[in-house]
Protein backbone atom coordinates (compact mmCIF):
# COMPACT_ATOMS: atom_id res chain seq x y z
CA MET A 1 140.84 -64.41 78.80
CA SER A 2 139.13 -61.21 79.83
CA ILE A 3 135.43 -60.94 79.10
CA VAL A 4 134.64 -57.92 76.94
CA ASP A 5 130.85 -58.28 76.80
CA ALA A 6 129.08 -60.33 79.50
CA GLN A 7 126.10 -60.95 77.20
CA PHE A 8 128.17 -63.49 75.25
CA ALA A 9 130.40 -64.96 77.99
CA ALA A 10 130.87 -68.71 78.48
CA GLU A 11 132.62 -70.88 81.03
CA TRP A 12 133.86 -74.46 81.10
CA VAL A 13 134.54 -76.23 84.41
CA THR A 14 136.46 -79.49 84.04
CA LYS A 15 136.05 -82.59 86.20
CA LYS A 16 139.24 -81.54 87.99
CA GLY A 17 137.74 -78.14 88.83
CA ARG A 18 139.73 -76.03 86.38
CA VAL A 19 137.74 -73.07 85.08
CA TYR A 20 138.15 -71.72 81.55
CA LYS A 21 136.41 -68.48 80.59
CA TYR A 22 135.50 -67.49 77.05
CA ASP A 23 134.62 -64.15 75.48
CA ALA A 24 132.14 -65.82 73.12
CA ILE A 25 130.04 -68.98 73.19
CA GLU A 26 131.41 -70.18 69.86
CA CYS A 27 134.92 -70.29 71.38
CA LEU A 28 133.66 -72.66 74.08
CA ALA A 29 131.97 -74.86 71.47
CA ARG A 30 135.17 -75.09 69.41
CA GLN A 31 137.33 -75.81 72.46
CA LEU A 32 135.12 -78.65 73.67
CA SER A 33 135.57 -80.52 70.41
CA LYS A 34 139.34 -80.45 71.00
CA ALA A 35 139.18 -81.44 74.69
CA GLN A 36 140.20 -84.99 75.50
CA GLN A 37 138.22 -85.20 78.73
CA LEU A 38 134.52 -84.83 79.27
CA SER A 39 133.48 -81.63 80.97
CA SER A 40 132.07 -81.34 84.43
CA TYR A 41 129.76 -78.63 83.11
CA GLU A 42 129.55 -75.68 80.76
CA LEU A 43 127.79 -72.38 81.37
CA VAL A 44 126.76 -69.45 79.18
CA CYS A 45 125.47 -66.01 80.08
CA ASN A 46 121.88 -65.12 79.38
CA TYR A 47 121.92 -62.49 76.63
CA LEU A 48 118.98 -60.69 78.24
CA SER A 49 120.48 -60.76 81.76
CA PRO A 50 124.29 -60.47 81.59
CA GLY A 51 125.81 -62.08 84.67
CA GLU A 52 123.07 -64.74 84.87
CA TRP A 53 124.67 -68.12 84.10
CA ILE A 54 122.75 -70.94 82.40
CA GLU A 55 123.84 -74.55 81.93
CA VAL A 56 124.26 -75.12 78.20
CA SER A 57 121.83 -78.06 78.20
CA GLU A 58 119.08 -75.74 79.47
CA ALA A 59 119.79 -72.79 77.15
CA THR A 60 118.34 -71.96 73.75
CA PHE A 61 120.78 -70.42 71.29
CA LEU A 62 120.20 -67.87 68.54
CA ILE A 63 122.42 -67.06 65.61
CA SER A 64 121.32 -63.72 64.18
CA PRO A 65 123.29 -61.43 61.85
CA LYS A 66 121.77 -58.48 63.74
CA ILE A 67 123.37 -59.53 67.06
CA PRO A 68 127.16 -59.59 66.60
CA SER A 69 129.15 -61.46 69.25
CA PRO A 70 132.78 -60.60 70.13
CA MET A 71 134.32 -63.34 67.98
CA GLY A 72 132.01 -62.99 64.98
CA GLY A 73 129.76 -66.03 65.45
CA TYR A 74 126.58 -63.95 65.97
CA LEU A 75 125.71 -66.45 68.69
CA SER A 76 123.75 -65.62 71.84
CA ALA A 77 122.13 -67.74 74.59
CA PHE A 78 118.81 -67.44 76.36
CA ALA A 79 117.35 -68.98 79.52
CA SER A 80 114.18 -70.08 77.76
CA LEU A 81 112.83 -70.86 74.33
CA ALA A 82 110.24 -68.07 74.75
CA GLU A 83 112.96 -65.46 75.38
CA ALA A 84 114.93 -66.66 72.37
CA GLN A 85 111.85 -66.61 70.15
CA ALA A 86 111.00 -63.04 71.21
CA VAL A 87 114.49 -61.83 70.29
CA GLN A 88 114.40 -63.87 67.08
CA THR A 89 111.12 -62.17 66.10
CA GLN A 90 112.78 -58.75 66.41
CA ASN A 91 116.19 -59.66 64.92
CA GLY A 92 115.71 -62.70 62.71
CA GLY A 93 118.09 -65.62 62.79
CA GLU A 94 117.92 -69.30 63.62
CA LEU A 95 117.42 -71.13 66.94
CA PHE A 96 119.61 -74.02 68.08
CA THR A 97 120.10 -76.49 70.94
CA TRP A 98 123.57 -76.95 72.49
CA HIS A 99 124.11 -80.18 70.57
CA GLN A 100 123.33 -78.38 67.30
CA ILE A 101 125.76 -75.59 68.22
CA LEU A 102 128.54 -78.10 68.89
CA VAL A 103 127.97 -79.69 65.50
CA LYS A 104 127.72 -76.33 63.71
CA PHE A 105 130.94 -74.90 65.16
CA ASN A 106 133.01 -78.06 64.75
CA ASP A 107 134.06 -80.17 61.81
CA SER A 108 132.99 -83.40 63.47
CA LYS A 109 130.28 -84.36 65.93
CA ALA A 110 131.16 -83.54 69.50
CA VAL A 111 130.36 -85.51 72.62
CA VAL A 112 127.36 -84.07 74.40
CA GLN A 113 126.34 -84.78 77.97
């Protein structure tokens, strides 16, 4: 998949070293619930610094109707809670951890590292 907007990009690297790229974080979250193997790791781009990759376990996520993502989930990632809170103050929305995002974007609970 080609990445349209780097602010919302995500990447999944499997244990076997295969790399899957996603145009939006919510697509990664949905895919992981369907995957039969555990991931090696997952990365998301920092909304404030496109091109800067963050491990999902270290990111803070914001869903804000004022920040549309390419696939309509309004989901963005930040390197720190403070960055996410600053953007939330300006744009509204709700903050999430990666585990909460997996649950929100999937029908059943997903396995989290």
